[in-house]
Amino acid sequence: MGRWIEEACERGPNWSEATATLYAAWKTWAEGNGEFVGSTRRFSEELAKHGVERDRTKRARGFQGLCLKRNSTDFETTETRW
């Protein structure tokens, strides 16, 4: 998980991203790197263990302080930031 965060994400207090968006990118990355994908619940728990705060808006559940790098087409999804 730590390697994925470093390679695919940006951290900062003003960033946020929906869980579904992050999980889709994680799944693509994990499958391409031979990592165990797991469930969205396990994914959320692992992000929390890496110090990423859970967040919730009226539109979606997500995480505060983390977003996908937008200059990497390897991790793009059809979802948008919330």
N, C-alpha and C. Protein backbone atom coordinates (compact mmCIF):
# COMPACT_ATOMS: atom_id res chain seq x y z
N MET A 1 0.82 -1.19 0.00
CA MET A 1 0.00 0.00 0.00
C MET A 1 0.87 1.26 0.00
N GLY A 2 1.94 1.24 0.77
CA GLY A 2 2.81 2.40 0.85
C GLY A 2 3.44 2.75 -0.49
N ARG A 3 3.84 1.74 -1.24
CA ARG A 3 4.43 1.98 -2.55
C ARG A 3 3.40 2.58 -3.51
N TRP A 4 2.17 2.09 -3.46
CA TRP A 4 1.10 2.64 -4.30
C TRP A 4 0.84 4.10 -3.95
N ILE A 5 0.77 4.41 -2.68
CA ILE A 5 0.55 5.80 -2.26
C ILE A 5 1.66 6.69 -2.82
N GLU A 6 2.89 6.22 -2.71
CA GLU A 6 4.03 7.01 -3.20
C GLU A 6 3.99 7.19 -4.72
N GLU A 7 3.68 6.13 -5.43
CA GLU A 7 3.71 6.17 -6.90
C GLU A 7 2.48 6.81 -7.53
N ALA A 8 1.31 6.60 -6.94
CA ALA A 8 0.07 6.98 -7.61
C ALA A 8 -0.67 8.16 -6.99
N CYS A 9 -0.24 8.59 -5.80
CA CYS A 9 -1.02 9.59 -5.08
C CYS A 9 -0.21 10.81 -4.70
N GLU A 10 -0.94 11.85 -4.40
CA GLU A 10 -0.36 13.07 -3.82
C GLU A 10 -1.00 13.25 -2.46
N ARG A 11 -0.20 13.73 -1.52
CA ARG A 11 -0.71 13.98 -0.17
C ARG A 11 -0.67 15.47 0.11
N GLY A 12 -1.67 15.93 0.82
CA GLY A 12 -1.73 17.33 1.20
C GLY A 12 -3.04 17.60 1.92
N PRO A 13 -3.05 18.58 2.79
CA PRO A 13 -4.24 18.82 3.63
C PRO A 13 -5.48 19.22 2.84
N ASN A 14 -5.32 19.76 1.66
CA ASN A 14 -6.47 20.22 0.89
C ASN A 14 -6.99 19.21 -0.13
N TRP A 15 -6.34 18.06 -0.23
CA TRP A 15 -6.76 17.06 -1.19
C TRP A 15 -7.81 16.14 -0.59
N SER A 16 -8.71 15.68 -1.42
CA SER A 16 -9.65 14.63 -1.01
C SER A 16 -10.05 13.85 -2.25
N GLU A 17 -10.43 12.63 -2.02
CA GLU A 17 -10.78 11.75 -3.14
C GLU A 17 -11.81 10.74 -2.65
N ALA A 18 -12.74 10.39 -3.50
CA ALA A 18 -13.76 9.39 -3.16
C ALA A 18 -13.11 8.02 -3.03
N THR A 19 -13.63 7.23 -2.11
CA THR A 19 -13.11 5.89 -1.90
C THR A 19 -13.19 5.06 -3.18
N ALA A 20 -14.30 5.14 -3.90
CA ALA A 20 -14.45 4.36 -5.14
C ALA A 20 -13.38 4.70 -6.16
N THR A 21 -13.03 5.96 -6.26
CA THR A 21 -12.00 6.40 -7.20
C THR A 21 -10.64 5.85 -6.80
N LEU A 22 -10.32 5.99 -5.53
CA LEU A 22 -9.04 5.47 -5.03
C LEU A 22 -8.96 3.96 -5.17
N TYR A 23 -10.03 3.27 -4.82
CA TYR A 23 -10.02 1.81 -4.88
C TYR A 23 -9.85 1.32 -6.32
N ALA A 24 -10.52 1.96 -7.26
CA ALA A 24 -10.39 1.56 -8.67
C ALA A 24 -8.93 1.70 -9.13
N ALA A 25 -8.29 2.78 -8.74
CA ALA A 25 -6.89 2.98 -9.10
C ALA A 25 -6.00 1.97 -8.40
N TRP A 26 -6.28 1.71 -7.11
CA TRP A 26 -5.52 0.70 -6.36
C TRP A 26 -5.65 -0.66 -7.02
N LYS A 27 -6.86 -1.03 -7.39
CA LYS A 27 -7.10 -2.34 -7.99
C LYS A 27 -6.29 -2.51 -9.27
N THR A 28 -6.31 -1.50 -10.13
CA THR A 28 -5.54 -1.54 -11.37
C THR A 28 -4.05 -1.68 -11.08
N TRP A 29 -3.56 -0.87 -10.15
CA TRP A 29 -2.15 -0.90 -9.80
C TRP A 29 -1.77 -2.24 -9.17
N ALA A 30 -2.57 -2.71 -8.23
CA ALA A 30 -2.27 -3.95 -7.52
C ALA A 30 -2.24 -5.15 -8.48
N GLU A 31 -3.22 -5.22 -9.35
CA GLU A 31 -3.25 -6.32 -10.32
C GLU A 31 -2.04 -6.29 -11.24
N GLY A 32 -1.61 -5.10 -11.62
CA GLY A 32 -0.45 -4.95 -12.48
C GLY A 32 0.88 -5.21 -11.79
N ASN A 33 0.87 -5.16 -10.46
CA ASN A 33 2.10 -5.35 -9.69
C ASN A 33 2.09 -6.62 -8.84
N GLY A 34 1.13 -7.50 -9.09
CA GLY A 34 1.08 -8.77 -8.39
C GLY A 34 0.75 -8.67 -6.91
N GLU A 35 0.07 -7.61 -6.52
CA GLU A 35 -0.33 -7.42 -5.12
C GLU A 35 -1.75 -7.94 -4.90
N PHE A 36 -2.05 -8.33 -3.68
CA PHE A 36 -3.39 -8.75 -3.32
C PHE A 36 -4.31 -7.53 -3.33
N VAL A 37 -5.41 -7.59 -4.05
CA VAL A 37 -6.32 -6.45 -4.17
C VAL A 37 -7.17 -6.29 -2.92
N GLY A 38 -7.85 -7.33 -2.51
CA GLY A 38 -8.71 -7.28 -1.33
C GLY A 38 -9.99 -6.51 -1.56
N SER A 39 -10.76 -6.37 -0.51
CA SER A 39 -12.05 -5.68 -0.57
C SER A 39 -11.89 -4.18 -0.36
N THR A 40 -12.95 -3.45 -0.63
CA THR A 40 -12.90 -2.00 -0.38
C THR A 40 -12.76 -1.73 1.11
N ARG A 41 -13.33 -2.58 1.92
CA ARG A 41 -13.21 -2.41 3.38
C ARG A 41 -11.75 -2.55 3.82
N ARG A 42 -11.10 -3.59 3.34
CA ARG A 42 -9.69 -3.80 3.68
C ARG A 42 -8.84 -2.64 3.15
N PHE A 43 -9.15 -2.18 1.95
CA PHE A 43 -8.45 -1.06 1.36
C PHE A 43 -8.57 0.18 2.24
N SER A 44 -9.78 0.47 2.69
CA SER A 44 -10.01 1.64 3.56
C SER A 44 -9.25 1.50 4.87
N GLU A 45 -9.25 0.32 5.44
CA GLU A 45 -8.52 0.09 6.69
C GLU A 45 -7.01 0.28 6.49
N GLU A 46 -6.49 -0.18 5.37
CA GLU A 46 -5.06 -0.02 5.09
C GLU A 46 -4.69 1.45 4.90
N LEU A 47 -5.53 2.22 4.21
CA LEU A 47 -5.27 3.64 4.06
C LEU A 47 -5.25 4.33 5.43
N ALA A 48 -6.19 3.97 6.28
CA ALA A 48 -6.23 4.55 7.62
C ALA A 48 -4.95 4.21 8.39
N LYS A 49 -4.45 3.00 8.23
CA LYS A 49 -3.20 2.60 8.88
C LYS A 49 -2.01 3.43 8.38
N HIS A 50 -2.11 3.94 7.17
CA HIS A 50 -1.06 4.78 6.60
C HIS A 50 -1.30 6.27 6.88
N GLY A 51 -2.18 6.55 7.81
CA GLY A 51 -2.38 7.92 8.26
C GLY A 51 -3.29 8.77 7.40
N VAL A 52 -4.06 8.15 6.51
CA VAL A 52 -4.98 8.90 5.67
C VAL A 52 -6.34 8.92 6.38
N GLU A 53 -6.87 10.11 6.55
CA GLU A 53 -8.12 10.28 7.31
C GLU A 53 -9.34 10.02 6.45
N ARG A 54 -10.26 9.28 7.01
CA ARG A 54 -11.54 9.05 6.34
C ARG A 54 -12.35 10.33 6.37
N ASP A 55 -13.17 10.50 5.35
CA ASP A 55 -14.00 11.69 5.24
C ASP A 55 -15.31 11.29 4.57
N ARG A 56 -16.32 12.11 4.76
CA ARG A 56 -17.61 11.83 4.15
C ARG A 56 -18.28 13.15 3.80
N THR A 57 -18.80 13.21 2.60
CA THR A 57 -19.58 14.37 2.19
C THR A 57 -20.99 13.89 1.89
N LYS A 58 -21.84 14.79 1.48
CA LYS A 58 -23.20 14.39 1.11
C LYS A 58 -23.19 13.51 -0.13
N ARG A 59 -22.16 13.64 -0.95
CA ARG A 59 -22.08 12.89 -2.20
C ARG A 59 -21.42 11.53 -2.09
N ALA A 60 -20.40 11.40 -1.23
CA ALA A 60 -19.64 10.15 -1.22
C ALA A 60 -18.79 10.03 0.03
N ARG A 61 -18.36 8.81 0.26
CA ARG A 61 -17.35 8.56 1.30
C ARG A 61 -16.00 8.64 0.64
N GLY A 62 -15.03 9.08 1.40
CA GLY A 62 -13.70 9.19 0.82
C GLY A 62 -12.64 9.39 1.86
N PHE A 63 -11.54 10.00 1.41
CA PHE A 63 -10.40 10.24 2.27
C PHE A 63 -9.91 11.65 2.09
N GLN A 64 -9.52 12.25 3.19
CA GLN A 64 -8.99 13.61 3.22
C GLN A 64 -7.47 13.53 3.29
N GLY A 65 -6.80 14.40 2.55
CA GLY A 65 -5.34 14.45 2.60
C GLY A 65 -4.65 13.62 1.55
N LEU A 66 -5.42 13.09 0.59
CA LEU A 66 -4.85 12.21 -0.42
C LEU A 66 -5.67 12.34 -1.70
N CYS A 67 -5.01 12.34 -2.84
CA CYS A 67 -5.70 12.28 -4.13
C CYS A 67 -4.80 11.57 -5.13
N LEU A 68 -5.37 11.15 -6.22
CA LEU A 68 -4.58 10.52 -7.27
C LEU A 68 -3.77 11.56 -8.02
N LYS A 69 -2.60 11.19 -8.43
CA LYS A 69 -1.80 12.07 -9.29
C LYS A 69 -2.53 12.18 -10.62
N ARG A 70 -2.74 13.37 -11.08
CA ARG A 70 -3.49 13.57 -12.31
C ARG A 70 -2.63 13.54 -13.56
N ASN A 71 -1.32 13.54 -13.41
CA ASN A 71 -0.45 13.50 -14.57
C ASN A 71 -0.09 12.08 -14.99
N SER A 72 -0.63 11.10 -14.30
CA SER A 72 -0.32 9.71 -14.62
C SER A 72 -1.55 9.04 -15.23
N THR A 73 -1.47 8.66 -16.48
CA THR A 73 -2.59 7.97 -17.14
C THR A 73 -2.72 6.53 -16.66
N ASP A 74 -1.70 6.02 -15.99
CA ASP A 74 -1.77 4.64 -15.51
C ASP A 74 -2.83 4.45 -14.44
N PHE A 75 -3.21 5.52 -13.76
CA PHE A 75 -4.10 5.39 -12.63
C PHE A 75 -5.41 6.13 -12.83
N GLU A 76 -5.70 6.57 -14.05
CA GLU A 76 -6.93 7.31 -14.29
C GLU A 76 -8.13 6.39 -14.20
N THR A 77 -9.22 6.96 -13.74
CA THR A 77 -10.49 6.25 -13.69
C THR A 77 -11.55 7.16 -14.28
N THR A 78 -12.75 6.66 -14.42
CA THR A 78 -13.82 7.47 -14.96
C THR A 78 -14.45 8.36 -13.88
N GLU A 79 -14.10 8.11 -12.64
CA GLU A 79 -14.62 8.91 -11.53
C GLU A 79 -13.94 10.27 -11.50
N THR A 80 -14.54 11.22 -10.83
CA THR A 80 -13.94 12.53 -10.66
C THR A 80 -13.79 12.84 -9.19
N ARG A 81 -12.97 13.82 -8.91
CA ARG A 81 -12.83 14.25 -7.52
C ARG A 81 -14.16 14.72 -7.00
N TRP A 82 -14.33 14.65 -5.75
CA TRP A 82 -15.59 15.06 -5.13
C TRP A 82 -15.33 16.21 -4.32
